[in-house]
Amino acid sequence: MLRKTLGRLLAGTALAAACAAANAQEPTVVGIANFGPHPALDQSVAGFKEELRRLGYVDGKNVRFVYSDANFTPAMIPQILNQIEANKPSVILTVTTPVSQAAITSITDKRIPLVFVLISDPVAAGLVPNWKQGGTRFVGSASAMDYDAVLEFARQIFPNARRFGVLYAPGEANDVVAMKSIEGAAKRAGLDLQAVSVDSAIDVQQRTQMLAGVDFVYAIGSSLVQSSMPALASVTDRYRIPILSAETELIKKGVVAVSYAASYQVQGAHAAQLAAELLKGRKTSELAPVKPGRKDYAALISRKKFAQLGKPIPAAFEHCNCFVD
């Protein structure tokens, strides 16, 4: 009788241990909701995953990523968020402002913490109350540009510049916020700013002609401006005006002369560091949104484009590890 009882106890203990082991091996689910496939957005997602791996969250081992994107179709965003939520994630990364704002209403389980990335102004977007504190559901890595750093770099790469131009879309909230910051930075840098508004992609070529006479054009990270860069460059090339871009992709295609921007991968890594804290049990309201620091910025320069425009590259840059050709 004692032997049978002992046998049942041992069997029960073994079963409990097996169940505990199975539960221990169950990976943490991390959701990733992206606006669509794009090199810049993909770099941030890759940086997010890589930093989580560095912090001990290894894909296929103790973490499982559930990814979905809306293929840049706003109407699809609630659907992809619902699909991700159905997998019961412990945290969700939302990439870009439209996806992040939609998550507030589309993710119905308010216990799931949300981490944003690639958002210029999360305060204006209604995700966090201020730059020092996360919201009740959100915290994240903002892509707010340090325009003082940008124009300091511009003075170095274009040492004779006195006046620069910017195209912006007045209908885009991020563009309006950016222009206010650029105006202040231009005054501090001692540069004259010529700002020109653009309402649609069709207007870009005509409006760019209004920038004739500037020493360089700064292409902000506006969806309208960046998607119309070939049209913008067709005019600036004719006037031999170099473009300094807030995005990095088009310099590799010979469209712009130089880019200066915070690394997309680093922004994703910052988001991962916040996500790791949330996975440990911290609350979004206990953390603060992160902005790129000056150390996160990198320059890329096209020798070919400078030569095409008849512009010299300052000697100080000749030995930098920043040339794409």
Protein backbone atom coordinates (compact mmCIF):
# COMPACT_ATOMS: atom_id res chain seq x y z
CA MET A 1 0.00 0.00 0.00
CA LEU A 2 2.84 2.33 0.95
CA ARG A 3 4.63 1.39 -2.25
CA LYS A 4 1.54 2.26 -4.36
CA THR A 5 1.08 5.58 -2.58
CA LEU A 6 4.74 6.43 -3.05
CA GLY A 7 4.47 5.50 -6.71
CA ARG A 8 1.49 7.81 -7.21
CA LEU A 9 3.34 10.64 -5.49
CA LEU A 10 6.40 10.16 -7.66
CA ALA A 11 4.27 9.98 -10.81
CA GLY A 12 2.42 13.12 -9.79
CA THR A 13 5.68 14.91 -9.06
CA ALA A 14 7.11 13.86 -12.42
CA LEU A 15 3.97 15.06 -14.23
CA ALA A 16 4.08 18.38 -12.41
CA ALA A 17 7.76 18.79 -13.26
CA ALA A 18 7.06 17.99 -16.91
CA CYS A 19 4.25 20.56 -17.03
CA ALA A 20 6.43 23.15 -15.34
CA ALA A 21 9.22 22.51 -17.83
CA ALA A 22 6.79 22.83 -20.74
CA ASN A 23 5.47 26.10 -19.37
CA ALA A 24 9.00 27.37 -18.76
CA GLN A 25 9.86 26.70 -22.39
CA GLU A 26 6.83 28.59 -23.70
CA PRO A 27 8.34 31.59 -25.54
CA THR A 28 7.36 35.18 -24.83
CA VAL A 29 5.27 36.61 -27.68
CA VAL A 30 6.33 40.02 -28.99
CA GLY A 31 4.09 41.66 -31.57
CA ILE A 32 5.37 43.94 -34.33
CA ALA A 33 2.84 46.07 -36.23
CA ASN A 34 4.42 47.87 -39.20
CA PHE A 35 2.86 50.35 -41.60
CA GLY A 36 4.44 48.61 -44.59
CA PRO A 37 7.65 47.17 -46.06
CA HIS A 38 10.20 49.96 -46.50
CA PRO A 39 14.01 50.01 -46.05
CA ALA A 40 13.91 52.61 -43.26
CA LEU A 41 11.08 50.90 -41.36
CA ASP A 42 12.67 47.48 -41.86
CA GLN A 43 15.95 48.75 -40.39
CA SER A 44 14.17 49.85 -37.22
CA VAL A 45 12.46 46.47 -36.90
CA ALA A 46 15.81 44.72 -37.41
CA GLY A 47 17.44 46.96 -34.79
CA PHE A 48 14.61 46.16 -32.38
CA LYS A 49 15.04 42.40 -32.80
CA GLU A 50 18.82 42.53 -32.63
CA GLU A 51 18.83 44.55 -29.41
CA LEU A 52 16.31 42.21 -27.79
CA ARG A 53 18.57 39.31 -28.76
CA ARG A 54 21.50 41.11 -27.15
CA LEU A 55 19.40 41.54 -24.01
CA GLY A 56 18.68 37.80 -23.88
CA TYR A 57 15.42 37.53 -25.82
CA VAL A 58 16.37 35.10 -28.59
CA ASP A 59 13.97 34.45 -31.47
CA GLY A 60 12.98 30.78 -31.62
CA LYS A 61 14.32 30.12 -28.14
CA ASN A 62 12.60 32.19 -25.49
CA VAL A 63 10.77 34.73 -27.66
CA ARG A 64 8.44 34.47 -30.66
CA PHE A 65 7.86 37.48 -32.89
CA VAL A 66 4.45 37.97 -34.48
CA TYR A 67 4.82 40.41 -37.38
CA SER A 68 2.23 42.01 -39.63
CA ASP A 69 2.13 45.11 -41.82
CA ALA A 70 -0.62 47.12 -43.50
CA ASN A 71 1.19 47.53 -46.84
CA PHE A 72 0.81 51.31 -46.36
CA THR A 73 -2.99 50.98 -46.44
CA PRO A 74 -4.48 52.85 -43.45
CA ALA A 75 -7.75 50.90 -43.63
CA MET A 76 -5.83 47.67 -42.98
CA ILE A 77 -4.16 48.86 -39.77
CA PRO A 78 -6.94 47.79 -37.33
CA GLN A 79 -6.98 44.35 -38.97
CA ILE A 80 -3.25 43.70 -38.52
CA LEU A 81 -3.40 44.94 -34.93
CA ASN A 82 -6.28 42.56 -34.18
CA GLN A 83 -4.32 39.68 -35.70
CA ILE A 84 -1.36 40.43 -33.49
CA GLU A 85 -3.48 40.82 -30.36
CA ALA A 86 -5.04 37.40 -31.01
CA ASN A 87 -1.59 35.88 -30.36
CA LYS A 88 -1.65 37.24 -26.79
CA PRO A 89 1.60 39.20 -26.96
CA SER A 90 3.39 40.45 -23.86
CA VAL A 91 4.32 43.68 -25.64
CA ILE A 92 3.65 45.20 -29.08
CA LEU A 93 5.96 47.40 -31.16
CA THR A 94 4.06 49.88 -33.35
CA VAL A 95 6.00 51.36 -36.26
CA THR A 96 5.05 54.92 -37.44
CA THR A 97 2.44 57.38 -36.20
CA PRO A 98 -0.65 55.99 -38.02
CA VAL A 99 -0.11 52.48 -36.63
CA SER A 100 0.60 53.76 -33.12
CA GLN A 101 -2.47 55.99 -32.99
CA ALA A 102 -4.70 53.19 -34.30
CA ALA A 103 -3.38 50.82 -31.63
CA ILE A 104 -4.96 52.90 -28.87
CA THR A 105 -8.45 51.83 -29.96
CA SER A 106 -7.70 48.63 -31.91
CA ILE A 107 -5.78 46.85 -29.13
CA THR A 108 -8.64 46.18 -26.75
CA ASP A 109 -6.61 44.44 -24.02
CA LYS A 110 -5.31 47.46 -22.14
CA ARG A 111 -2.95 45.27 -20.13
CA ILE A 112 -0.69 44.87 -23.19
CA PRO A 113 2.01 47.57 -23.11
CA LEU A 114 2.73 49.33 -26.40
CA VAL A 115 6.10 50.63 -27.65
CA PHE A 116 6.29 53.05 -30.58
CA VAL A 117 9.15 53.77 -32.98
CA LEU A 118 9.65 56.22 -35.87
CA ILE A 119 7.31 58.90 -34.57
CA SER A 120 8.43 62.52 -34.75
CA ASP A 121 6.30 63.88 -31.93
CA PRO A 122 4.55 61.34 -29.67
CA VAL A 123 3.24 64.16 -27.45
CA ALA A 124 1.41 65.82 -30.36
CA ALA A 125 0.24 62.36 -31.48
CA GLY A 126 -1.43 61.85 -28.11
CA LEU A 127 0.64 58.80 -27.11
CA VAL A 128 2.50 60.26 -24.12
CA PRO A 129 1.69 63.27 -21.90
CA ASN A 130 5.16 64.83 -22.22
CA TRP A 131 8.78 64.06 -23.10
CA LYS A 132 9.63 63.00 -19.55
CA GLN A 133 6.95 60.38 -18.95
CA GLY A 134 5.32 57.53 -20.81
CA GLY A 135 1.56 57.29 -21.18
CA THR A 136 -0.82 54.84 -19.57
CA ARG A 137 -0.34 52.48 -22.52
CA PHE A 138 2.55 53.82 -24.58
CA VAL A 139 6.23 54.61 -24.36
CA GLY A 140 8.80 54.45 -27.12
CA SER A 141 11.63 55.69 -29.28
CA ALA A 142 10.89 58.97 -31.04
CA SER A 143 12.56 60.06 -34.26
CA ALA A 144 12.50 63.75 -33.32
CA MET A 145 15.38 65.39 -35.15
CA ASP A 146 18.00 67.49 -33.40
CA TYR A 147 17.91 70.35 -35.90
CA ASP A 148 20.70 72.22 -34.13
CA ALA A 149 22.92 69.20 -34.81
CA VAL A 150 21.68 69.02 -38.42
CA LEU A 151 22.46 72.65 -39.17
CA GLU A 152 25.78 72.48 -37.35
CA PHE A 153 26.67 69.64 -39.71
CA ALA A 154 25.34 71.66 -42.67
CA ARG A 155 27.70 74.52 -41.81
CA GLN A 156 30.58 72.02 -41.88
CA ILE A 157 29.73 70.33 -45.19
CA PHE A 158 28.63 73.63 -46.84
CA PRO A 159 31.01 76.14 -45.14
CA ASN A 160 30.06 79.02 -47.43
CA ALA A 161 26.33 78.58 -47.03
CA ARG A 162 24.28 81.52 -45.85
CA ARG A 163 20.78 80.54 -46.97
CA PHE A 164 18.95 77.23 -47.24
CA GLY A 165 15.54 76.10 -48.41
CA VAL A 166 12.98 73.63 -47.08
CA LEU A 167 9.85 72.19 -48.66
CA TYR A 168 7.10 71.10 -46.27
CA ALA A 169 3.50 69.92 -46.35
CA PRO A 170 1.30 72.22 -44.22
CA GLY A 171 -1.32 69.48 -44.04
CA GLU A 172 1.04 67.09 -42.25
CA ALA A 173 1.26 67.66 -38.49
CA ASN A 174 4.82 66.32 -38.33
CA ASP A 175 5.93 68.80 -41.01
CA VAL A 176 4.42 71.75 -39.15
CA VAL A 177 6.14 70.71 -35.91
CA ALA A 178 9.42 70.23 -37.78
CA MET A 179 9.28 73.67 -39.38
CA LYS A 180 8.85 75.41 -36.03
CA SER A 181 11.95 73.67 -34.73
CA ILE A 182 13.93 74.36 -37.92
CA GLU A 183 13.09 78.06 -37.75
CA GLY A 184 14.58 78.29 -34.27
CA ALA A 185 17.64 76.22 -35.20
CA ALA A 186 18.26 78.36 -38.31
CA LYS A 187 18.39 81.53 -36.20
CA ARG A 188 20.79 79.94 -33.75
CA ALA A 189 22.99 78.73 -36.63
CA GLY A 190 23.02 82.14 -38.30
CA LEU A 191 21.41 80.82 -41.48
CA ASP A 192 18.55 82.34 -43.46
CA LEU A 193 15.67 79.95 -44.03
CA GLN A 194 13.40 80.01 -47.07
CA ALA A 195 10.42 77.74 -46.42
CA VAL A 196 8.06 76.75 -49.24
CA SER A 197 4.80 74.88 -48.66
CA VAL A 198 3.73 72.00 -50.91
CA ASP A 199 0.18 70.67 -50.96
CA SER A 200 0.67 67.64 -53.22
CA ALA A 201 3.35 65.72 -55.12
CA ILE A 202 2.23 67.42 -58.34
CA ASP A 203 3.36 70.78 -56.93
CA VAL A 204 6.88 69.74 -56.00
CA GLN A 205 8.72 70.66 -59.20
CA GLN A 206 7.06 74.06 -59.52
CA ARG A 207 7.46 74.96 -55.83
CA THR A 208 11.11 73.85 -55.81
CA GLN A 209 11.84 76.51 -58.42
CA MET A 210 11.07 79.06 -55.71
CA LEU A 211 14.22 77.90 -53.94
CA ALA A 212 16.53 79.06 -56.72
CA GLY A 213 19.39 80.97 -55.14
CA VAL A 214 19.65 79.03 -51.86
CA ASP A 215 22.98 77.40 -51.00
CA PHE A 216 21.44 74.03 -50.17
CA VAL A 217 18.05 72.40 -49.73
CA TYR A 218 17.30 70.46 -46.57
CA ALA A 219 14.85 67.63 -47.30
CA ILE A 220 13.01 66.93 -44.05
CA GLY A 221 11.60 63.53 -43.18
CA SER A 222 8.21 64.38 -44.64
CA SER A 223 6.34 61.55 -46.36
CA LEU A 224 5.26 63.93 -49.13
CA VAL A 225 8.70 65.48 -49.65
CA GLN A 226 10.67 62.24 -49.41
CA SER A 227 8.35 60.39 -51.79
CA SER A 228 8.83 63.24 -54.29
CA MET A 229 12.61 63.48 -54.05
CA PRO A 230 13.34 62.60 -57.71
CA ALA A 231 11.10 65.49 -58.81
CA LEU A 232 12.72 67.84 -56.30
CA ALA A 233 16.22 66.78 -57.37
CA SER A 234 15.42 67.31 -61.05
CA VAL A 235 15.08 71.03 -60.27
CA THR A 236 17.93 71.40 -57.75
CA ASP A 237 20.29 69.57 -60.14
CA ARG A 238 19.48 72.13 -62.82
CA TYR A 239 20.32 74.94 -60.39
CA ARG A 240 23.36 73.04 -59.03
CA ILE A 241 21.96 73.15 -55.51
CA PRO A 242 22.98 70.23 -53.27
CA ILE A 243 20.38 68.41 -51.17
CA LEU A 244 20.98 67.51 -47.54
CA SER A 245 18.46 64.80 -46.68
CA ALA A 246 17.02 63.54 -43.42
CA GLU A 247 16.68 60.11 -45.05
CA THR A 248 19.52 57.85 -46.14
CA GLU A 249 18.16 55.62 -48.89
CA LEU A 250 18.20 57.99 -51.89
CA ILE A 251 21.83 58.99 -51.51
CA LYS A 252 22.75 55.46 -52.56
CA LYS A 253 20.80 56.04 -55.78
CA GLY A 254 22.57 59.30 -56.59
CA VAL A 255 19.54 61.51 -55.94
CA VAL A 256 20.97 63.55 -53.06
CA ALA A 257 24.48 64.77 -52.23
CA VAL A 258 24.55 64.12 -48.51
CA SER A 259 22.39 62.75 -45.71
CA TYR A 260 22.59 63.31 -41.99
CA ALA A 261 20.20 61.32 -39.87
CA ALA A 262 19.80 59.26 -36.75
CA SER A 263 20.33 55.58 -37.44
CA TYR A 264 17.05 53.72 -37.94
CA GLN A 265 18.60 50.63 -36.37
CA VAL A 266 19.59 52.58 -33.27
CA GLN A 267 16.06 53.94 -32.95
CA GLY A 268 14.78 50.37 -33.07
CA ALA A 269 17.36 49.38 -30.45
CA HIS A 270 16.15 52.16 -28.14
CA ALA A 271 12.60 50.81 -28.50
CA ALA A 272 13.86 47.31 -27.63
CA GLN A 273 15.50 48.56 -24.44
CA LEU A 274 12.16 50.00 -23.36
CA ALA A 275 10.34 46.80 -24.37
CA ALA A 276 12.76 44.74 -22.27
CA GLU A 277 11.91 46.85 -19.22
CA LEU A 278 8.21 46.30 -19.85
CA LEU A 279 8.78 42.55 -20.17
CA LYS A 280 10.34 42.66 -16.69
CA GLY A 281 7.13 44.12 -15.31
CA ARG A 282 7.74 47.87 -15.52
CA LYS A 283 4.80 50.08 -16.57
CA THR A 284 4.86 52.44 -19.55
CA SER A 285 4.13 55.37 -17.23
CA GLU A 286 7.28 54.57 -15.24
CA LEU A 287 9.50 55.06 -18.29
CA ALA A 288 10.22 58.04 -20.53
CA PRO A 289 10.24 58.35 -24.34
CA VAL A 290 13.71 58.31 -25.90
CA LYS A 291 15.08 60.70 -28.52
CA PRO A 292 18.15 60.07 -30.68
CA GLY A 293 21.28 61.71 -29.25
CA ARG A 294 24.03 63.29 -31.34
CA LYS A 295 26.06 60.09 -31.08
CA ASP A 296 23.21 58.31 -32.92
CA TYR A 297 23.56 60.50 -36.02
CA ALA A 298 25.63 59.50 -39.04
CA ALA A 299 26.57 61.23 -42.29
CA LEU A 300 26.68 59.76 -45.78
CA ILE A 301 28.30 61.68 -48.63
CA SER A 302 28.21 61.08 -52.39
CA ARG A 303 31.47 62.14 -54.08
CA LYS A 304 29.82 61.58 -57.44
CA LYS A 305 26.92 63.92 -56.68
CA PHE A 306 29.17 66.67 -55.33
CA ALA A 307 31.29 66.44 -58.51
CA GLN A 308 28.17 66.47 -60.68
CA LEU A 309 27.02 69.68 -58.98
CA GLY A 310 30.49 71.23 -59.17
CA LYS A 311 30.73 71.50 -55.38
CA PRO A 312 33.92 70.79 -53.40
CA ILE A 313 33.90 68.47 -50.40
CA PRO A 314 35.64 70.17 -47.44
CA ALA A 315 39.03 68.70 -46.63
CA ALA A 316 37.88 67.86 -43.11
CA PHE A 317 35.67 65.09 -44.57
CA GLU A 318 38.20 63.54 -46.95
CA HIS A 319 39.21 60.78 -44.53
CA CYS A 320 35.85 60.11 -42.92
CA ASN A 321 34.24 56.70 -43.19
CA CYS A 322 31.09 58.23 -44.67
CA PHE A 323 31.34 58.01 -48.47
CA VAL A 324 28.90 55.89 -50.47
CA ASP A 325 30.87 55.99 -53.76
